[in-house]
């Protein structure tokens, strides 16, 4: 390993990075965002709120806005992690205003937080569209709020099924188009945060994932009909063939080229 910082796709108020530290170390500093990280390997050692902390593979750490911290490898083997920086106002908006959630313990293996980070890191190298950004913020805000209030009962998600069906129909009708959040809000009659909580309760996946799956359905049909991978990617609404390949492999376990050979025998 060598010291490296690689930035992934981002969006307004959301930044992603993959960081490897072997010899380098952070001096004390602070962010004006939530700074979260998922440790991929090694030991991530840092001082935070007057105590020494350590995060290992599978852990997620949460650093709150304006809190001073440093960071360095905890062993000679170095460390690798993926970081997520989210503007506090996005978290506040998703939770309907009020105080920002605060986690007393910065290192966690809570499955809700792990899931939120995995959601945030999906398609790391791709730009984050409006729909995916809303999913990232909603999932993260709900996880932070739940962990910040241990023991508080979870309110059941009430669903307006007809409204969610209208959202699904909107996506079904334009799978290759970037359906906007405003359009979803318009057909459902709900704000984006309510919509992104209700839709998975009806369809089992977020609107973002539902839209990706419909695009993949279209791409598969085109590929089976003889389209080139590049043409299928463009017609299905992917930014390029590489984008299609990443999403295809993440969903089906094969590259689209390998899948085509298996299906057609060619």
C-alpha atoms as a PDB file:
ATOM      1  CA  UNK A   1       0.000   0.000   0.000  1.00  0.00           C
ATOM      2  CA  UNK A   2       1.005   3.606  -0.524  1.00  0.00           C
ATOM      3  CA  UNK A   3      -0.442   6.856   0.770  1.00  0.00           C
ATOM      4  CA  UNK A   4      -3.272   7.900  -1.490  1.00  0.00           C
ATOM      5  CA  UNK A   5      -6.486   9.923  -1.629  1.00  0.00           C
ATOM      6  CA  UNK A   6      -8.960   9.147  -4.409  1.00  0.00           C
ATOM      7  CA  UNK A   7     -12.223  11.045  -4.752  1.00  0.00           C
ATOM      8  CA  UNK A   8     -15.412   9.413  -5.945  1.00  0.00           C
ATOM      9  CA  UNK A   9     -18.487  10.964  -7.484  1.00  0.00           C
ATOM     10  CA  UNK A  10     -20.278  13.548  -5.372  1.00  0.00           C
ATOM     11  CA  UNK A  11     -23.223  15.921  -5.264  1.00  0.00           C
ATOM     12  CA  UNK A  12     -24.110  19.235  -3.648  1.00  0.00           C
ATOM     13  CA  UNK A  13     -23.368  18.805   0.059  1.00  0.00           C
ATOM     14  CA  UNK A  14     -22.025  15.250  -0.369  1.00  0.00           C
ATOM     15  CA  UNK A  15     -18.402  14.249  -0.958  1.00  0.00           C
ATOM     16  CA  UNK A  16     -16.860  10.763  -1.078  1.00  0.00           C
ATOM     17  CA  UNK A  17     -13.218   9.722  -0.859  1.00  0.00           C
ATOM     18  CA  UNK A  18     -11.116   6.569  -0.557  1.00  0.00           C
ATOM     19  CA  UNK A  19      -8.021   7.083   1.574  1.00  0.00           C
ATOM     20  CA  UNK A  20      -4.957   4.938   2.230  1.00  0.00           C
ATOM     21  CA  UNK A  21      -2.480   5.973   4.929  1.00  0.00           C
ATOM     22  CA  UNK A  22       0.804   4.174   5.546  1.00  0.00           C
ATOM     23  CA  UNK A  23       3.341   6.820   6.496  1.00  0.00           C
ATOM     24  CA  UNK A  24       1.203   9.938   6.456  1.00  0.00           C
ATOM     25  CA  UNK A  25      -0.939  11.188   9.354  1.00  0.00           C
ATOM     26  CA  UNK A  26      -3.518  13.910   9.888  1.00  0.00           C
ATOM     27  CA  UNK A  27      -2.667  16.796  12.174  1.00  0.00           C
ATOM     28  CA  UNK A  28      -5.536  18.073  14.369  1.00  0.00           C
ATOM     29  CA  UNK A  29      -8.251  19.602  12.206  1.00  0.00           C
ATOM     30  CA  UNK A  30     -12.018  19.881  11.950  1.00  0.00           C
ATOM     31  CA  UNK A  31     -14.740  19.857   9.299  1.00  0.00           C
ATOM     32  CA  UNK A  32     -17.891  21.909   8.837  1.00  0.00           C
ATOM     33  CA  UNK A  33     -19.671  18.712   7.779  1.00  0.00           C
ATOM     34  CA  UNK A  34     -20.472  15.337   9.259  1.00  0.00           C
ATOM     35  CA  UNK A  35     -17.408  13.208   8.482  1.00  0.00           C
ATOM     36  CA  UNK A  36     -18.024   9.466   8.431  1.00  0.00           C
ATOM     37  CA  UNK A  37     -15.709   6.664   7.480  1.00  0.00           C
ATOM     38  CA  UNK A  38     -15.937   2.925   6.904  1.00  0.00           C
ATOM     39  CA  UNK A  39     -12.649   1.211   7.728  1.00  0.00           C
ATOM     40  CA  UNK A  40     -11.687  -1.232   4.967  1.00  0.00           C
ATOM     41  CA  UNK A  41      -8.440  -2.541   6.442  1.00  0.00           C
ATOM     42  CA  UNK A  42      -5.914  -1.918   9.183  1.00  0.00           C
ATOM     43  CA  UNK A  43      -6.470   0.060  12.361  1.00  0.00           C
ATOM     44  CA  UNK A  44      -7.632   3.660  12.179  1.00  0.00           C
ATOM     45  CA  UNK A  45      -6.389   5.491  15.270  1.00  0.00           C
ATOM     46  CA  UNK A  46      -7.449   9.015  16.172  1.00  0.00           C
ATOM     47  CA  UNK A  47      -7.952  11.372  19.086  1.00  0.00           C
ATOM     48  CA  UNK A  48     -11.459  12.779  19.419  1.00  0.00           C
ATOM     49  CA  UNK A  49     -13.231  14.593  22.242  1.00  0.00           C
ATOM     50  CA  UNK A  50     -10.358  14.012  24.669  1.00  0.00           C
ATOM     51  CA  UNK A  51      -9.872  10.271  24.170  1.00  0.00           C
ATOM     52  CA  UNK A  52      -7.900   7.892  21.949  1.00  0.00           C
ATOM     53  CA  UNK A  53     -10.120   5.956  19.539  1.00  0.00           C
ATOM     54  CA  UNK A  54      -9.611   3.083  17.113  1.00  0.00           C
ATOM     55  CA  UNK A  55     -11.686   1.765  14.230  1.00  0.00           C
ATOM     56  CA  UNK A  56     -11.058  -1.617  12.595  1.00  0.00           C
ATOM     57  CA  UNK A  57     -12.350  -3.290   9.455  1.00  0.00           C
ATOM     58  CA  UNK A  58     -16.152  -3.211   9.329  1.00  0.00           C
ATOM     59  CA  UNK A  59     -16.490  -0.345  11.793  1.00  0.00           C
ATOM     60  CA  UNK A  60     -17.948   3.040  10.947  1.00  0.00           C
ATOM     61  CA  UNK A  61     -16.782   6.198  12.656  1.00  0.00           C
ATOM     62  CA  UNK A  62     -18.818   9.399  12.933  1.00  0.00           C
ATOM     63  CA  UNK A  63     -17.181  12.775  13.526  1.00  0.00           C
ATOM     64  CA  UNK A  64     -19.517  15.665  14.176  1.00  0.00           C
ATOM     65  CA  UNK A  65     -19.218  19.103  12.577  1.00  0.00           C
ATOM     66  CA  UNK A  66     -16.596  21.404  14.118  1.00  0.00           C
ATOM     67  CA  UNK A  67     -15.135  18.691  16.405  1.00  0.00           C
ATOM     68  CA  UNK A  68     -11.317  18.631  16.440  1.00  0.00           C
ATOM     69  CA  UNK A  69      -9.677  15.285  15.592  1.00  0.00           C
ATOM     70  CA  UNK A  70      -6.536  13.837  14.051  1.00  0.00           C
ATOM     71  CA  UNK A  71      -5.818  10.448  12.493  1.00  0.00           C
ATOM     72  CA  UNK A  72      -3.056   7.948  11.753  1.00  0.00           C
ATOM     73  CA  UNK A  73      -2.476   4.237  11.109  1.00  0.00           C
ATOM     74  CA  UNK A  74      -2.700   2.235  14.309  1.00  0.00           C
ATOM     75  CA  UNK A  75      -0.158  -0.335  13.081  1.00  0.00           C
ATOM     76  CA  UNK A  76       2.762  -0.432  10.649  1.00  0.00           C
ATOM     77  CA  UNK A  77       0.508  -2.176   8.139  1.00  0.00           C
ATOM     78  CA  UNK A  78      -1.284   1.093   7.400  1.00  0.00           C
ATOM     79  CA  UNK A  79      -5.010   1.616   6.958  1.00  0.00           C
ATOM     80  CA  UNK A  80      -7.604   2.067   4.239  1.00  0.00           C
ATOM     81  CA  UNK A  81     -11.058   3.576   4.531  1.00  0.00           C
ATOM     82  CA  UNK A  82     -13.817   5.253   2.584  1.00  0.00           C
ATOM     83  CA  UNK A  83     -15.000   8.623   3.833  1.00  0.00           C
ATOM     84  CA  UNK A  84     -18.301  10.430   3.451  1.00  0.00           C
ATOM     85  CA  UNK A  85     -18.762  14.132   4.106  1.00  0.00           C
ATOM     86  CA  UNK A  86     -22.348  15.392   4.386  1.00  0.00           C
ATOM     87  CA  UNK A  87     -23.499  18.962   4.941  1.00  0.00           C
ATOM     88  CA  UNK A  88     -25.375  19.265   8.262  1.00  0.00           C
ATOM     89  CA  UNK A  89     -28.305  21.121   6.701  1.00  0.00           C
ATOM     90  CA  UNK A  90     -29.104  18.049   4.580  1.00  0.00           C
ATOM     91  CA  UNK A  91     -29.369  15.886   7.706  1.00  0.00           C
ATOM     92  CA  UNK A  92     -31.499  18.534   9.413  1.00  0.00           C
ATOM     93  CA  UNK A  93     -33.822  18.783   6.403  1.00  0.00           C
ATOM     94  CA  UNK A  94     -34.277  15.001   6.262  1.00  0.00           C
ATOM     95  CA  UNK A  95     -35.241  14.927   9.942  1.00  0.00           C
ATOM     96  CA  UNK A  96     -37.660  17.826   9.689  1.00  0.00           C
ATOM     97  CA  UNK A  97     -35.489  20.362  11.485  1.00  0.00           C
ATOM     98  CA  UNK A  98     -34.509  20.463  15.142  1.00  0.00           C
ATOM     99  CA  UNK A  99     -31.203  19.589  16.750  1.00  0.00           C
ATOM    100  CA  UNK A 100     -28.696  17.554  14.772  1.00  0.00           C
ATOM    101  CA  UNK A 101     -28.241  13.974  16.035  1.00  0.00           C
ATOM    102  CA  UNK A 102     -25.114  13.476  18.141  1.00  0.00           C
ATOM    103  CA  UNK A 103     -23.421  10.113  18.734  1.00  0.00           C
ATOM    104  CA  UNK A 104     -21.528   9.993  22.014  1.00  0.00           C
ATOM    105  CA  UNK A 105     -19.417   7.049  20.815  1.00  0.00           C
ATOM    106  CA  UNK A 106     -17.702   7.862  17.515  1.00  0.00           C
ATOM    107  CA  UNK A 107     -16.894   4.260  16.504  1.00  0.00           C
ATOM    108  CA  UNK A 108     -19.780   1.916  15.787  1.00  0.00           C
ATOM    109  CA  UNK A 109     -20.608  -1.438  14.230  1.00  0.00           C
ATOM    110  CA  UNK A 110     -24.346  -0.723  14.345  1.00  0.00           C
ATOM    111  CA  UNK A 111     -25.899  -2.438  11.298  1.00  0.00           C
ATOM    112  CA  UNK A 112     -28.057   0.614  10.552  1.00  0.00           C
ATOM    113  CA  UNK A 113     -24.992   2.788  10.230  1.00  0.00           C
ATOM    114  CA  UNK A 114     -23.083   0.149   8.255  1.00  0.00           C
ATOM    115  CA  UNK A 115     -26.027  -0.116   5.860  1.00  0.00           C
ATOM    116  CA  UNK A 116     -26.176   3.659   5.492  1.00  0.00           C
ATOM    117  CA  UNK A 117     -22.485   3.800   4.602  1.00  0.00           C
ATOM    118  CA  UNK A 118     -22.771   0.964   2.102  1.00  0.00           C
ATOM    119  CA  UNK A 119     -25.703   2.774   0.519  1.00  0.00           C
ATOM    120  CA  UNK A 120     -23.651   5.963   0.354  1.00  0.00           C
ATOM    121  CA  UNK A 121     -20.678   4.227  -1.258  1.00  0.00           C
ATOM    122  CA  UNK A 122     -22.641   2.407  -3.974  1.00  0.00           C
ATOM    123  CA  UNK A 123     -21.391   3.455  -7.402  1.00  0.00           C
ATOM    124  CA  UNK A 124     -18.424   5.175  -5.779  1.00  0.00           C
ATOM    125  CA  UNK A 125     -16.861   6.355  -9.040  1.00  0.00           C
ATOM    126  CA  UNK A 126     -20.107   7.625 -10.556  1.00  0.00           C
ATOM    127  CA  UNK A 127     -21.619  11.071 -10.101  1.00  0.00           C
ATOM    128  CA  UNK A 128     -24.416  11.166  -7.523  1.00  0.00           C
ATOM    129  CA  UNK A 129     -27.743  12.157  -9.039  1.00  0.00           C
ATOM    130  CA  UNK A 130     -30.569  13.877  -7.200  1.00  0.00           C
ATOM    131  CA  UNK A 131     -32.449  10.658  -6.499  1.00  0.00           C
ATOM    132  CA  UNK A 132     -29.406   8.807  -5.146  1.00  0.00           C
ATOM    133  CA  UNK A 133     -28.428  11.825  -3.050  1.00  0.00           C
ATOM    134  CA  UNK A 134     -31.841  11.821  -1.392  1.00  0.00           C
ATOM    135  CA  UNK A 135     -31.524   8.100  -0.647  1.00  0.00           C
ATOM    136  CA  UNK A 136     -28.060   8.599   0.868  1.00  0.00           C
ATOM    137  CA  UNK A 137     -29.168  11.450   3.112  1.00  0.00           C
ATOM    138  CA  UNK A 138     -32.433   9.816   4.214  1.00  0.00           C
ATOM    139  CA  UNK A 139     -30.778   6.504   5.109  1.00  0.00           C
ATOM    140  CA  UNK A 140     -27.948   8.213   6.963  1.00  0.00           C
ATOM    141  CA  UNK A 141     -30.173  10.691   8.815  1.00  0.00           C
ATOM    142  CA  UNK A 142     -32.488   7.924  10.023  1.00  0.00           C
ATOM    143  CA  UNK A 143     -29.533   5.821  11.209  1.00  0.00           C
ATOM    144  CA  UNK A 144     -27.927   8.714  13.086  1.00  0.00           C
ATOM    145  CA  UNK A 145     -31.213   9.720  14.696  1.00  0.00           C
ATOM    146  CA  UNK A 146     -32.004   6.163  15.808  1.00  0.00           C
ATOM    147  CA  UNK A 147     -28.552   5.573  17.304  1.00  0.00           C
ATOM    148  CA  UNK A 148     -28.547   8.971  19.006  1.00  0.00           C
ATOM    149  CA  UNK A 149     -31.769   8.021  20.824  1.00  0.00           C
ATOM    150  CA  UNK A 150     -31.175   4.457  22.059  1.00  0.00           C
ATOM    151  CA  UNK A 151     -34.292   2.807  23.385  1.00  0.00           C
ATOM    152  CA  UNK A 152     -36.648   5.232  21.692  1.00  0.00           C
ATOM    153  CA  UNK A 153     -39.481   3.359  19.965  1.00  0.00           C
ATOM    154  CA  UNK A 154     -39.362   3.352  16.182  1.00  0.00           C
ATOM    155  CA  UNK A 155     -42.414   4.885  14.607  1.00  0.00           C
ATOM    156  CA  UNK A 156     -43.984   2.573  12.019  1.00  0.00           C
ATOM    157  CA  UNK A 157     -43.733   3.774   8.433  1.00  0.00           C
ATOM    158  CA  UNK A 158     -47.210   4.631   7.237  1.00  0.00           C
ATOM    159  CA  UNK A 159     -47.555   4.098   3.528  1.00  0.00           C
ATOM    160  CA  UNK A 160     -49.722   5.687   0.888  1.00  0.00           C
ATOM    161  CA  UNK A 161     -49.625   2.790  -1.565  1.00  0.00           C
ATOM    162  CA  UNK A 162     -51.464   4.514  -4.429  1.00  0.00           C
ATOM    163  CA  UNK A 163     -49.033   7.428  -4.206  1.00  0.00           C
ATOM    164  CA  UNK A 164     -46.022   5.100  -4.309  1.00  0.00           C
ATOM    165  CA  UNK A 165     -47.544   3.232  -7.242  1.00  0.00           C
ATOM    166  CA  UNK A 166     -47.754   6.526  -9.120  1.00  0.00           C
ATOM    167  CA  UNK A 167     -44.054   7.096  -8.476  1.00  0.00           C
ATOM    168  CA  UNK A 168     -43.232   3.594  -9.739  1.00  0.00           C
ATOM    169  CA  UNK A 169     -45.364   4.176 -12.839  1.00  0.00           C
ATOM    170  CA  UNK A 170     -43.505   7.427 -13.501  1.00  0.00           C
ATOM    171  CA  UNK A 171     -40.170   5.592 -13.380  1.00  0.00           C
ATOM    172  CA  UNK A 172     -41.512   2.675 -15.445  1.00  0.00           C
ATOM    173  CA  UNK A 173     -42.656   5.075 -18.152  1.00  0.00           C
ATOM    174  CA  UNK A 174     -39.282   6.796 -18.486  1.00  0.00           C
ATOM    175  CA  UNK A 175     -36.606   4.289 -17.391  1.00  0.00           C
ATOM    176  CA  UNK A 176     -33.897   5.910 -19.508  1.00  0.00           C
ATOM    177  CA  UNK A 177     -34.679   9.442 -18.319  1.00  0.00           C
ATOM    178  CA  UNK A 178     -33.458  11.134 -15.161  1.00  0.00           C
ATOM    179  CA  UNK A 179     -36.802  11.507 -13.442  1.00  0.00           C
ATOM    180  CA  UNK A 180     -36.466  14.413 -11.047  1.00  0.00           C
ATOM    181  CA  UNK A 181     -37.346  14.560  -7.386  1.00  0.00           C
ATOM    182  CA  UNK A 182     -39.820  17.368  -8.109  1.00  0.00           C
ATOM    183  CA  UNK A 183     -41.691  15.086 -10.524  1.00  0.00           C
ATOM    184  CA  UNK A 184     -41.839  12.333  -7.902  1.00  0.00           C
ATOM    185  CA  UNK A 185     -43.071  14.774  -5.289  1.00  0.00           C
ATOM    186  CA  UNK A 186     -45.674  16.033  -7.739  1.00  0.00           C
ATOM    187  CA  UNK A 187     -47.203  12.656  -8.601  1.00  0.00           C
ATOM    188  CA  UNK A 188     -47.048  11.356  -5.017  1.00  0.00           C
ATOM    189  CA  UNK A 189     -48.142  14.463  -3.143  1.00  0.00           C
ATOM    190  CA  UNK A 190     -45.374  13.872  -0.574  1.00  0.00           C
ATOM    191  CA  UNK A 191     -42.091  15.635   0.125  1.00  0.00           C
ATOM    192  CA  UNK A 192     -38.910  13.807  -0.855  1.00  0.00           C
ATOM    193  CA  UNK A 193     -38.083  12.585   2.659  1.00  0.00           C
ATOM    194  CA  UNK A 194     -41.515  11.017   3.207  1.00  0.00           C
ATOM    195  CA  UNK A 195     -41.415   9.546  -0.287  1.00  0.00           C
ATOM    196  CA  UNK A 196     -38.028   7.918   0.253  1.00  0.00           C
ATOM    197  CA  UNK A 197     -39.230   6.325   3.499  1.00  0.00           C
ATOM    198  CA  UNK A 198     -42.522   5.058   2.103  1.00  0.00           C
ATOM    199  CA  UNK A 199     -41.373   3.718  -1.264  1.00  0.00           C
ATOM    200  CA  UNK A 200     -39.151   0.926   0.159  1.00  0.00           C
ATOM    201  CA  UNK A 201     -41.997  -0.139   2.455  1.00  0.00           C
ATOM    202  CA  UNK A 202     -44.100  -0.823  -0.651  1.00  0.00           C
ATOM    203  CA  UNK A 203     -41.500  -1.973  -3.201  1.00  0.00           C
ATOM    204  CA  UNK A 204     -38.654  -3.257  -1.036  1.00  0.00           C
ATOM    205  CA  UNK A 205     -36.086  -0.947  -2.634  1.00  0.00           C
ATOM    206  CA  UNK A 206     -35.503   2.794  -2.806  1.00  0.00           C
ATOM    207  CA  UNK A 207     -36.711   4.841  -5.797  1.00  0.00           C
ATOM    208  CA  UNK A 208     -33.072   5.138  -6.865  1.00  0.00           C
ATOM    209  CA  UNK A 209     -32.537   1.371  -6.870  1.00  0.00           C
ATOM    210  CA  UNK A 210     -35.902   0.800  -8.536  1.00  0.00           C
ATOM    211  CA  UNK A 211     -34.900   3.176 -11.344  1.00  0.00           C
ATOM    212  CA  UNK A 212     -31.516   1.458 -11.785  1.00  0.00           C
ATOM    213  CA  UNK A 213     -33.216  -1.933 -12.052  1.00  0.00           C
ATOM    214  CA  UNK A 214     -35.615  -0.684 -14.725  1.00  0.00           C
ATOM    215  CA  UNK A 215     -32.649   0.652 -16.710  1.00  0.00           C
ATOM    216  CA  UNK A 216     -30.904  -2.694 -16.367  1.00  0.00           C
ATOM    217  CA  UNK A 217     -34.062  -4.459 -17.559  1.00  0.00           C
ATOM    218  CA  UNK A 218     -34.036  -2.278 -20.655  1.00  0.00           C
ATOM    219  CA  UNK A 219     -30.322  -2.809 -21.254  1.00  0.00           C
ATOM    220  CA  UNK A 220     -30.669  -6.587 -20.987  1.00  0.00           C
ATOM    221  CA  UNK A 221     -33.499  -6.582 -23.502  1.00  0.00           C
ATOM    222  CA  UNK A 222     -31.486  -4.513 -25.950  1.00  0.00           C
ATOM    223  CA  UNK A 223     -28.374  -6.665 -25.540  1.00  0.00           C
ATOM    224  CA  UNK A 224     -30.351  -9.865 -26.130  1.00  0.00           C
ATOM    225  CA  UNK A 225     -31.844  -8.248 -29.237  1.00  0.00           C
ATOM    226  CA  UNK A 226     -28.359  -7.677 -30.638  1.00  0.00           C
ATOM    227  CA  UNK A 227     -27.445  -4.142 -29.591  1.00  0.00           C
ATOM    228  CA  UNK A 228     -23.832  -3.402 -28.795  1.00  0.00           C
ATOM    229  CA  UNK A 229     -23.013  -2.818 -25.152  1.00  0.00           C
ATOM    230  CA  UNK A 230     -22.274   0.849 -25.812  1.00  0.00           C
ATOM    231  CA  UNK A 231     -25.574   1.378 -27.646  1.00  0.00           C
ATOM    232  CA  UNK A 232     -27.525  -0.492 -24.975  1.00  0.00           C
ATOM    233  CA  UNK A 233     -25.912   1.600 -22.253  1.00  0.00           C
ATOM    234  CA  UNK A 234     -26.834   4.853 -23.985  1.00  0.00           C
ATOM    235  CA  UNK A 235     -30.381   3.779 -24.818  1.00  0.00           C
ATOM    236  CA  UNK A 236     -31.011   2.578 -21.264  1.00  0.00           C
ATOM    237  CA  UNK A 237     -29.884   5.855 -19.728  1.00  0.00           C
ATOM    238  CA  UNK A 238     -26.428   4.971 -18.401  1.00  0.00           C
ATOM    239  CA  UNK A 239     -23.722   7.603 -18.764  1.00  0.00           C
ATOM    240  CA  UNK A 240     -21.455   5.212 -20.687  1.00  0.00           C
ATOM    241  CA  UNK A 241     -20.606   1.526 -21.100  1.00  0.00           C
ATOM    242  CA  UNK A 242     -18.439   1.525 -17.971  1.00  0.00           C
ATOM    243  CA  UNK A 243     -21.361   2.832 -15.921  1.00  0.00           C
ATOM    244  CA  UNK A 244     -23.567   0.037 -17.272  1.00  0.00           C
ATOM    245  CA  UNK A 245     -20.868  -2.536 -16.516  1.00  0.00           C
ATOM    246  CA  UNK A 246     -20.479  -1.426 -12.890  1.00  0.00           C
ATOM    247  CA  UNK A 247     -24.209  -1.485 -12.230  1.00  0.00           C
ATOM    248  CA  UNK A 248     -24.708  -4.753 -14.135  1.00  0.00           C
ATOM    249  CA  UNK A 249     -21.957  -6.569 -12.265  1.00  0.00           C
ATOM    250  CA  UNK A 250     -23.151  -5.240  -8.894  1.00  0.00           C
ATOM    251  CA  UNK A 251     -26.654  -6.558  -9.620  1.00  0.00           C
ATOM    252  CA  UNK A 252     -26.118  -9.826 -11.493  1.00  0.00           C
ATOM    253  CA  UNK A 253     -22.565 -10.846 -10.619  1.00  0.00           C
ATOM    254  CA  UNK A 254     -21.407 -10.866 -14.256  1.00  0.00           C
ATOM    255  CA  UNK A 255     -20.249  -8.188 -16.648  1.00  0.00           C
ATOM    256  CA  UNK A 256     -22.788  -7.505 -19.425  1.00  0.00           C
ATOM    257  CA  UNK A 257     -20.345  -8.935 -21.966  1.00  0.00           C
ATOM    258  CA  UNK A 258     -20.016 -12.188 -20.037  1.00  0.00           C
ATOM    259  CA  UNK A 259     -23.793 -12.347 -19.522  1.00  0.00           C
ATOM    260  CA  UNK A 260     -24.358 -11.867 -23.269  1.00  0.00           C
ATOM    261  CA  UNK A 261     -22.021 -14.759 -24.097  1.00  0.00           C
ATOM    262  CA  UNK A 262     -23.768 -16.996 -21.562  1.00  0.00           C
ATOM    263  CA  UNK A 263     -27.246 -16.116 -22.834  1.00  0.00           C
ATOM    264  CA  UNK A 264     -26.535 -16.210 -26.565  1.00  0.00           C
ATOM    265  CA  UNK A 265     -23.821 -18.860 -26.589  1.00  0.00           C
ATOM    266  CA  UNK A 266     -21.657 -16.552 -28.667  1.00  0.00           C
END
